Every structure is written in C-alpha cells, then in structure tokens.
C-alpha cells in the first residue's frame, strides 16, 4: 500500500472534493442509510467537537477517518 499510495501521485484532490466523492459510495456496512456519507463524516467530527472542544486535532482525525472510505471508489475493499 505504501508503494502504491505513498507517493500521492495517483490522484490529488482537496478535502471538499473527497467529501463530494464520498457521497457516491454505498457503504457496505450500512447500505440502507438514506443520507450522504459526507453527512456521517461531519457528524463524527461534530460529535468529537462537542465531547472534546479543546482537541481540534481530534476533530480533524474523526473527519479524516471517514474520508478514508473514499478509497473504496478507487478499488480498495471496504
């Protein structure tokens, strides 16, 4: 994985573009959810913000964790 993705040369995108792409994904772990995956990512970050307002790094990690699901659109298993 490091050799394939470590150079970051396959595709570059901003966080907002990745969030938009995430909405195209049907999450195998929750396929019948009727709201976009980006909404879940924002909910995660917001929930962490409420619980840990002093840890902005933790809020970002929560968002990035959900953003990682976008790799499934590029052939990685969910």
PDB file of N, CA and C in Angstrom:
ATOM      1  N   UNK A   1       0.825  -1.186   0.000  1.00  0.00           N
ATOM      2  CA  UNK A   1       0.000   0.000   0.000  1.00  0.00           C
ATOM      3  C   UNK A   1       0.871   1.251   0.000  1.00  0.00           C
ATOM      4  N   UNK A   2       1.954   1.184   0.750  1.00  0.00           N
ATOM      5  CA  UNK A   2       2.838   2.342   0.811  1.00  0.00           C
ATOM      6  C   UNK A   2       3.424   2.651  -0.561  1.00  0.00           C
ATOM      7  N   UNK A   3       3.824   1.609  -1.289  1.00  0.00           N
ATOM      8  CA  UNK A   3       4.395   1.820  -2.620  1.00  0.00           C
ATOM      9  C   UNK A   3       3.361   2.392  -3.584  1.00  0.00           C
ATOM     10  N   UNK A   4       2.120   1.935  -3.456  1.00  0.00           N
ATOM     11  CA  UNK A   4       1.075   2.390  -4.376  1.00  0.00           C
ATOM     12  C   UNK A   4       0.571   3.789  -4.056  1.00  0.00           C
ATOM     13  N   UNK A   5       0.367   4.085  -2.774  1.00  0.00           N
ATOM     14  CA  UNK A   5      -0.249   5.347  -2.384  1.00  0.00           C
ATOM     15  C   UNK A   5       0.716   6.350  -1.759  1.00  0.00           C
ATOM     16  N   UNK A   6       1.891   5.894  -1.358  1.00  0.00           N
ATOM     17  CA  UNK A   6       2.832   6.744  -0.631  1.00  0.00           C
ATOM     18  C   UNK A   6       3.315   7.961  -1.392  1.00  0.00           C
ATOM     19  N   UNK A   7       3.355   7.854  -2.697  1.00  0.00           N
ATOM     20  CA  UNK A   7       3.823   8.994  -3.499  1.00  0.00           C
ATOM     21  C   UNK A   7       2.731  10.034  -3.746  1.00  0.00           C
ATOM     22  N   UNK A   8       1.492   9.670  -3.438  1.00  0.00           N
ATOM     23  CA  UNK A   8       0.346  10.566  -3.668  1.00  0.00           C
ATOM     24  C   UNK A   8       0.263  11.027  -5.116  1.00  0.00           C
ATOM     25  N   UNK A   9       0.624  10.142  -6.040  1.00  0.00           N
ATOM     26  CA  UNK A   9       0.654  10.523  -7.455  1.00  0.00           C
ATOM     27  C   UNK A   9      -0.524   9.972  -8.252  1.00  0.00           C
ATOM     28  N   UNK A  10      -1.364   9.149  -7.651  1.00  0.00           N
ATOM     29  CA  UNK A  10      -2.489   8.597  -8.402  1.00  0.00           C
ATOM     30  C   UNK A  10      -3.550   9.651  -8.686  1.00  0.00           C
ATOM     31  N   UNK A  11      -3.855  10.429  -7.690  1.00  0.00           N
ATOM     32  CA  UNK A  11      -4.857  11.487  -7.845  1.00  0.00           C
ATOM     33  C   UNK A  11      -4.714  12.453  -6.686  1.00  0.00           C
ATOM     34  N   UNK A  12      -4.833  13.713  -6.960  1.00  0.00           N
ATOM     35  CA  UNK A  12      -4.798  14.726  -5.912  1.00  0.00           C
ATOM     36  C   UNK A  12      -6.144  15.427  -5.894  1.00  0.00           C
ATOM     37  N   UNK A  13      -6.628  15.676  -4.674  1.00  0.00           N
ATOM     38  CA  UNK A  13      -7.902  16.377  -4.523  1.00  0.00           C
ATOM     39  C   UNK A  13      -7.926  17.046  -3.167  1.00  0.00           C
ATOM     40  N   UNK A  14      -8.743  18.026  -3.058  1.00  0.00           N
ATOM     41  CA  UNK A  14      -8.929  18.691  -1.781  1.00  0.00           C
ATOM     42  C   UNK A  14      -9.917  17.918  -0.924  1.00  0.00           C
ATOM     43  N   UNK A  15     -10.009  18.310   0.318  1.00  0.00           N
ATOM     44  CA  UNK A  15     -10.910  17.634   1.255  1.00  0.00           C
ATOM     45  C   UNK A  15     -12.359  17.757   0.808  1.00  0.00           C
ATOM     46  N   UNK A  16     -12.757  18.909   0.309  1.00  0.00           N
ATOM     47  CA  UNK A  16     -14.149  19.090  -0.110  1.00  0.00           C
ATOM     48  C   UNK A  16     -14.480  18.204  -1.312  1.00  0.00           C
ATOM     49  N   UNK A  17     -13.540  18.060  -2.238  1.00  0.00           N
ATOM     50  CA  UNK A  17     -13.768  17.176  -3.377  1.00  0.00           C
ATOM     51  C   UNK A  17     -13.904  15.725  -2.906  1.00  0.00           C
ATOM     52  N   UNK A  18     -13.059  15.334  -1.961  1.00  0.00           N
ATOM     53  CA  UNK A  18     -13.139  13.975  -1.420  1.00  0.00           C
ATOM     54  C   UNK A  18     -14.476  13.756  -0.716  1.00  0.00           C
ATOM     55  N   UNK A  19     -14.952  14.751   0.017  1.00  0.00           N
ATOM     56  CA  UNK A  19     -16.259  14.634   0.673  1.00  0.00           C
ATOM     57  C   UNK A  19     -17.382  14.486  -0.351  1.00  0.00           C
ATOM     58  N   UNK A  20     -17.285  15.216  -1.447  1.00  0.00           N
ATOM     59  CA  UNK A  20     -18.293  15.098  -2.503  1.00  0.00           C
ATOM     60  C   UNK A  20     -18.253  13.709  -3.132  1.00  0.00           C
ATOM     61  N   UNK A  21     -17.048  13.186  -3.370  1.00  0.00           N
ATOM     62  CA  UNK A  21     -16.913  11.839  -3.924  1.00  0.00           C
ATOM     63  C   UNK A  21     -17.463  10.796  -2.965  1.00  0.00           C
ATOM     64  N   UNK A  22     -17.270  11.025  -1.698  1.00  0.00           N
ATOM     65  CA  UNK A  22     -17.731  10.096  -0.676  1.00  0.00           C
ATOM     66  C   UNK A  22     -19.235   9.860  -0.777  1.00  0.00           C
ATOM     67  N   UNK A  23     -19.959  10.856  -1.238  1.00  0.00           N
ATOM     68  CA  UNK A  23     -21.411  10.724  -1.365  1.00  0.00           C
ATOM     69  C   UNK A  23     -21.820   9.749  -2.469  1.00  0.00           C
ATOM     70  N   UNK A  24     -20.885   9.369  -3.329  1.00  0.00           N
ATOM     71  CA  UNK A  24     -21.166   8.390  -4.372  1.00  0.00           C
ATOM     72  C   UNK A  24     -21.030   6.953  -3.865  1.00  0.00           C
ATOM     73  N   UNK A  25     -20.486   6.797  -2.696  1.00  0.00           N
ATOM     74  CA  UNK A  25     -20.204   5.477  -2.142  1.00  0.00           C
ATOM     75  C   UNK A  25     -21.415   4.914  -1.404  1.00  0.00           C
ATOM     76  N   UNK A  26     -21.709   3.646  -1.660  1.00  0.00           N
ATOM     77  CA  UNK A  26     -22.687   2.921  -0.851  1.00  0.00           C
ATOM     78  C   UNK A  26     -21.873   2.111   0.147  1.00  0.00           C
ATOM     79  N   UNK A  27     -21.974   2.481   1.399  1.00  0.00           N
ATOM     80  CA  UNK A  27     -21.188   1.847   2.457  1.00  0.00           C
ATOM     81  C   UNK A  27     -21.716   0.447   2.723  1.00  0.00           C
ATOM     82  N   UNK A  28     -20.876  -0.571   2.516  1.00  0.00           N
ATOM     83  CA  UNK A  28     -21.300  -1.957   2.709  1.00  0.00           C
ATOM     84  C   UNK A  28     -21.735  -2.230   4.146  1.00  0.00           C
ATOM     85  N   UNK A  29     -21.174  -1.491   5.093  1.00  0.00           N
ATOM     86  CA  UNK A  29     -21.514  -1.732   6.494  1.00  0.00           C
ATOM     87  C   UNK A  29     -22.862  -1.119   6.874  1.00  0.00           C
ATOM     88  N   UNK A  30     -23.372  -0.236   6.035  1.00  0.00           N
ATOM     89  CA  UNK A  30     -24.646   0.424   6.316  1.00  0.00           C
ATOM     90  C   UNK A  30     -25.312   0.833   5.005  1.00  0.00           C
ATOM     91  N   UNK A  31     -25.686  -0.135   4.156  1.00  0.00           N
ATOM     92  CA  UNK A  31     -26.143   0.186   2.796  1.00  0.00           C
ATOM     93  C   UNK A  31     -27.510   0.852   2.702  1.00  0.00           C
ATOM     94  N   UNK A  32     -28.323   0.773   3.743  1.00  0.00           N
ATOM     95  CA  UNK A  32     -29.673   1.317   3.645  1.00  0.00           C
ATOM     96  C   UNK A  32     -29.833   2.687   4.302  1.00  0.00           C
ATOM     97  N   UNK A  33     -28.736   3.343   4.579  1.00  0.00           N
ATOM     98  CA  UNK A  33     -28.797   4.685   5.149  1.00  0.00           C
ATOM     99  C   UNK A  33     -29.282   5.645   4.072  1.00  0.00           C
ATOM    100  N   UNK A  34     -30.182   6.526   4.439  1.00  0.00           N
ATOM    101  CA  UNK A  34     -30.778   7.420   3.445  1.00  0.00           C
ATOM    102  C   UNK A  34     -30.186   8.825   3.456  1.00  0.00           C
ATOM    103  N   UNK A  35     -28.984   8.990   4.018  1.00  0.00           N
ATOM    104  CA  UNK A  35     -28.325  10.294   3.949  1.00  0.00           C
ATOM    105  C   UNK A  35     -26.902  10.096   3.429  1.00  0.00           C
ATOM    106  N   UNK A  36     -26.314  11.142   2.849  1.00  0.00           N
ATOM    107  CA  UNK A  36     -24.992  11.032   2.232  1.00  0.00           C
ATOM    108  C   UNK A  36     -23.894  10.674   3.235  1.00  0.00           C
ATOM    109  N   UNK A  37     -22.868   9.996   2.747  1.00  0.00           N
ATOM    110  CA  UNK A  37     -21.737   9.631   3.596  1.00  0.00           C
ATOM    111  C   UNK A  37     -21.003  10.853   4.131  1.00  0.00           C
ATOM    112  N   UNK A  38     -21.022  11.941   3.403  1.00  0.00           N
ATOM    113  CA  UNK A  38     -20.368  13.154   3.901  1.00  0.00           C
ATOM    114  C   UNK A  38     -21.056  13.633   5.185  1.00  0.00           C
ATOM    115  N   UNK A  39     -22.357  13.444   5.258  1.00  0.00           N
ATOM    116  CA  UNK A  39     -23.107  13.841   6.451  1.00  0.00           C
ATOM    117  C   UNK A  39     -22.605  13.077   7.674  1.00  0.00           C
ATOM    118  N   UNK A  40     -22.358  11.794   7.496  1.00  0.00           N
ATOM    119  CA  UNK A  40     -21.820  10.988   8.601  1.00  0.00           C
ATOM    120  C   UNK A  40     -20.434  11.499   9.010  1.00  0.00           C
ATOM    121  N   UNK A  41     -19.612  11.842   8.031  1.00  0.00           N
ATOM    122  CA  UNK A  41     -18.266  12.358   8.341  1.00  0.00           C
ATOM    123  C   UNK A  41     -18.354  13.647   9.156  1.00  0.00           C
ATOM    124  N   UNK A  42     -19.266  14.540   8.766  1.00  0.00           N
ATOM    125  CA  UNK A  42     -19.457  15.777   9.530  1.00  0.00           C
ATOM    126  C   UNK A  42     -20.009  15.487  10.921  1.00  0.00           C
ATOM    127  N   UNK A  43     -20.923  14.514  11.017  1.00  0.00           N
ATOM    128  CA  UNK A  43     -21.472  14.147  12.325  1.00  0.00           C
ATOM    129  C   UNK A  43     -20.366  13.643  13.250  1.00  0.00           C
ATOM    130  N   UNK A  44     -19.467  12.850  12.705  1.00  0.00           N
ATOM    131  CA  UNK A  44     -18.358  12.323  13.508  1.00  0.00           C
ATOM    132  C   UNK A  44     -17.513  13.465  14.050  1.00  0.00           C
ATOM    133  N   UNK A  45     -17.110  14.373  13.170  1.00  0.00           N
ATOM    134  CA  UNK A  45     -16.277  15.499  13.589  1.00  0.00           C
ATOM    135  C   UNK A  45     -17.012  16.388  14.596  1.00  0.00           C
ATOM    136  N   UNK A  46     -18.283  16.625  14.356  1.00  0.00           N
ATOM    137  CA  UNK A  46     -19.067  17.475  15.261  1.00  0.00           C
ATOM    138  C   UNK A  46     -19.259  16.808  16.621  1.00  0.00           C
ATOM    139  N   UNK A  47     -19.489  15.509  16.632  1.00  0.00           N
ATOM    140  CA  UNK A  47     -19.622  14.789  17.890  1.00  0.00           C
ATOM    141  C   UNK A  47     -18.343  14.855  18.711  1.00  0.00           C
ATOM    142  N   UNK A  48     -17.224  14.729  18.049  1.00  0.00           N
ATOM    143  CA  UNK A  48     -15.934  14.850  18.735  1.00  0.00           C
ATOM    144  C   UNK A  48     -15.734  16.279  19.236  1.00  0.00           C
ATOM    145  N   UNK A  49     -16.148  17.267  18.430  1.00  0.00           N
ATOM    146  CA  UNK A  49     -16.001  18.667  18.856  1.00  0.00           C
ATOM    147  C   UNK A  49     -16.796  18.943  20.127  1.00  0.00           C
ATOM    148  N   UNK A  50     -18.010  18.413  20.186  1.00  0.00           N
ATOM    149  CA  UNK A  50     -18.827  18.619  21.382  1.00  0.00           C
ATOM    150  C   UNK A  50     -18.215  17.942  22.605  1.00  0.00           C
ATOM    151  N   UNK A  51     -17.691  16.745  22.409  1.00  0.00           N
ATOM    152  CA  UNK A  51     -17.130  15.988  23.534  1.00  0.00           C
ATOM    153  C   UNK A  51     -15.745  16.480  23.934  1.00  0.00           C
ATOM    154  N   UNK A  52     -14.990  16.992  22.949  1.00  0.00           N
ATOM    155  CA  UNK A  52     -13.601  17.414  23.201  1.00  0.00           C
ATOM    156  C   UNK A  52     -13.320  18.753  22.507  1.00  0.00           C
ATOM    157  N   UNK A  53     -13.943  19.838  22.952  1.00  0.00           N
ATOM    158  CA  UNK A  53     -13.779  21.126  22.267  1.00  0.00           C
ATOM    159  C   UNK A  53     -12.348  21.653  22.279  1.00  0.00           C
ATOM    160  N   UNK A  54     -11.540  21.171  23.177  1.00  0.00           N
ATOM    161  CA  UNK A  54     -10.159  21.646  23.277  1.00  0.00           C
ATOM    162  C   UNK A  54      -9.193  20.851  22.396  1.00  0.00           C
ATOM    163  N   UNK A  55      -9.678  19.832  21.694  1.00  0.00           N
ATOM    164  CA  UNK A  55      -8.802  18.971  20.886  1.00  0.00           C
ATOM    165  C   UNK A  55      -9.174  19.071  19.411  1.00  0.00           C
ATOM    166  N   UNK A  56      -8.805  20.179  18.781  1.00  0.00           N
ATOM    167  CA  UNK A  56      -9.147  20.357  17.376  1.00  0.00           C
ATOM    168  C   UNK A  56      -8.500  19.307  16.487  1.00  0.00           C
ATOM    169  N   UNK A  57      -7.340  18.808  16.886  1.00  0.00           N
ATOM    170  CA  UNK A  57      -6.673  17.761  16.113  1.00  0.00           C
ATOM    171  C   UNK A  57      -7.528  16.489  16.095  1.00  0.00           C
ATOM    172  N   UNK A  58      -8.219  16.206  17.189  1.00  0.00           N
ATOM    173  CA  UNK A  58      -9.053  15.020  17.297  1.00  0.00           C
ATOM    174  C   UNK A  58     -10.271  15.148  16.374  1.00  0.00           C
ATOM    175  N   UNK A  59     -10.815  16.346  16.275  1.00  0.00           N
ATOM    176  CA  UNK A  59     -11.948  16.607  15.391  1.00  0.00           C
ATOM    177  C   UNK A  59     -11.546  16.343  13.942  1.00  0.00           C
ATOM    178  N   UNK A  60     -10.357  16.799  13.575  1.00  0.00           N
ATOM    179  CA  UNK A  60      -9.848  16.575  12.228  1.00  0.00           C
ATOM    180  C   UNK A  60      -9.625  15.094  11.962  1.00  0.00           C
ATOM    181  N   UNK A  61      -9.074  14.389  12.918  1.00  0.00           N
ATOM    182  CA  UNK A  61      -8.838  12.952  12.759  1.00  0.00           C
ATOM    183  C   UNK A  61     -10.163  12.215  12.536  1.00  0.00           C
ATOM    184  N   UNK A  62     -11.214  12.610  13.247  1.00  0.00           N
ATOM    185  CA  UNK A  62     -12.527  11.998  13.045  1.00  0.00           C
ATOM    186  C   UNK A  62     -13.029  12.181  11.628  1.00  0.00           C
ATOM    187  N   UNK A  63     -12.864  13.383  11.094  1.00  0.00           N
ATOM    188  CA  UNK A  63     -13.285  13.657   9.718  1.00  0.00           C
ATOM    189  C   UNK A  63     -12.436  12.865   8.730  1.00  0.00           C
ATOM    190  N   UNK A  64     -11.121  12.865   8.938  1.00  0.00           N
ATOM    191  CA  UNK A  64     -10.223  12.144   8.029  1.00  0.00           C
ATOM    192  C   UNK A  64     -10.467  10.639   8.058  1.00  0.00           C
ATOM    193  N   UNK A  65     -10.801  10.113   9.218  1.00  0.00           N
ATOM    194  CA  UNK A  65     -11.106   8.690   9.327  1.00  0.00           C
ATOM    195  C   UNK A  65     -12.241   8.318   8.372  1.00  0.00           C
ATOM    196  N   UNK A  66     -13.299   9.110   8.363  1.00  0.00           N
ATOM    197  CA  UNK A  66     -14.414   8.826   7.470  1.00  0.00           C
ATOM    198  C   UNK A  66     -14.067   9.133   6.017  1.00  0.00           C
ATOM    199  N   UNK A  67     -13.232  10.116   5.787  1.00  0.00           N
ATOM    200  CA  UNK A  67     -12.810  10.435   4.424  1.00  0.00           C
ATOM    201  C   UNK A  67     -12.045   9.288   3.786  1.00  0.00           C
ATOM    202  N   UNK A  68     -11.396   8.481   4.593  1.00  0.00           N
ATOM    203  CA  UNK A  68     -10.640   7.343   4.071  1.00  0.00           C
ATOM    204  C   UNK A  68     -11.501   6.361   3.300  1.00  0.00           C
ATOM    205  N   UNK A  69     -12.809   6.372   3.555  1.00  0.00           N
ATOM    206  CA  UNK A  69     -13.711   5.471   2.832  1.00  0.00           C
ATOM    207  C   UNK A  69     -13.729   5.751   1.331  1.00  0.00           C
ATOM    208  N   UNK A  70     -13.293   6.926   0.933  1.00  0.00           N
ATOM    209  CA  UNK A  70     -13.292   7.284  -0.488  1.00  0.00           C
ATOM    210  C   UNK A  70     -12.384   6.336  -1.295  1.00  0.00           C
ATOM    211  N   UNK A  71     -11.429   5.700  -0.633  1.00  0.00           N
ATOM    212  CA  UNK A  71     -10.540   4.763  -1.323  1.00  0.00           C
ATOM    213  C   UNK A  71     -11.312   3.598  -1.931  1.00  0.00           C
ATOM    214  N   UNK A  72     -12.481   3.275  -1.394  1.00  0.00           N
ATOM    215  CA  UNK A  72     -13.297   2.208  -1.962  1.00  0.00           C
ATOM    216  C   UNK A  72     -13.750   2.542  -3.381  1.00  0.00           C
ATOM    217  N   UNK A  73     -13.847   3.811  -3.700  1.00  0.00           N
ATOM    218  CA  UNK A  73     -14.227   4.223  -5.058  1.00  0.00           C
ATOM    219  C   UNK A  73     -13.097   4.022  -6.047  1.00  0.00           C
ATOM    220  N   UNK A  74     -11.908   3.745  -5.549  1.00  0.00           N
ATOM    221  CA  UNK A  74     -10.729   3.552  -6.390  1.00  0.00           C
ATOM    222  C   UNK A  74     -10.227   2.112  -6.308  1.00  0.00           C
ATOM    223  N   UNK A  75     -11.106   1.196  -5.916  1.00  0.00           N
ATOM    224  CA  UNK A  75     -10.778  -0.216  -5.970  1.00  0.00           C
ATOM    225  C   UNK A  75     -10.338  -0.867  -4.672  1.00  0.00           C
ATOM    226  N   UNK A  76     -10.205  -0.101  -3.614  1.00  0.00           N
ATOM    227  CA  UNK A  76      -9.813  -0.694  -2.334  1.00  0.00           C
ATOM    228  C   UNK A  76     -11.044  -1.316  -1.681  1.00  0.00           C
ATOM    229  N   UNK A  77     -10.866  -2.428  -0.982  1.00  0.00           N
ATOM    230  CA  UNK A  77     -12.012  -3.049  -0.322  1.00  0.00           C
ATOM    231  C   UNK A  77     -12.505  -2.210   0.848  1.00  0.00           C
ATOM    232  N   UNK A  78     -13.789  -2.327   1.110  1.00  0.00           N
ATOM    233  CA  UNK A  78     -14.352  -1.625   2.255  1.00  0.00           C
ATOM    234  C   UNK A  78     -14.045  -2.404   3.504  1.00  0.00           C
TER     235      UNK A  78
END
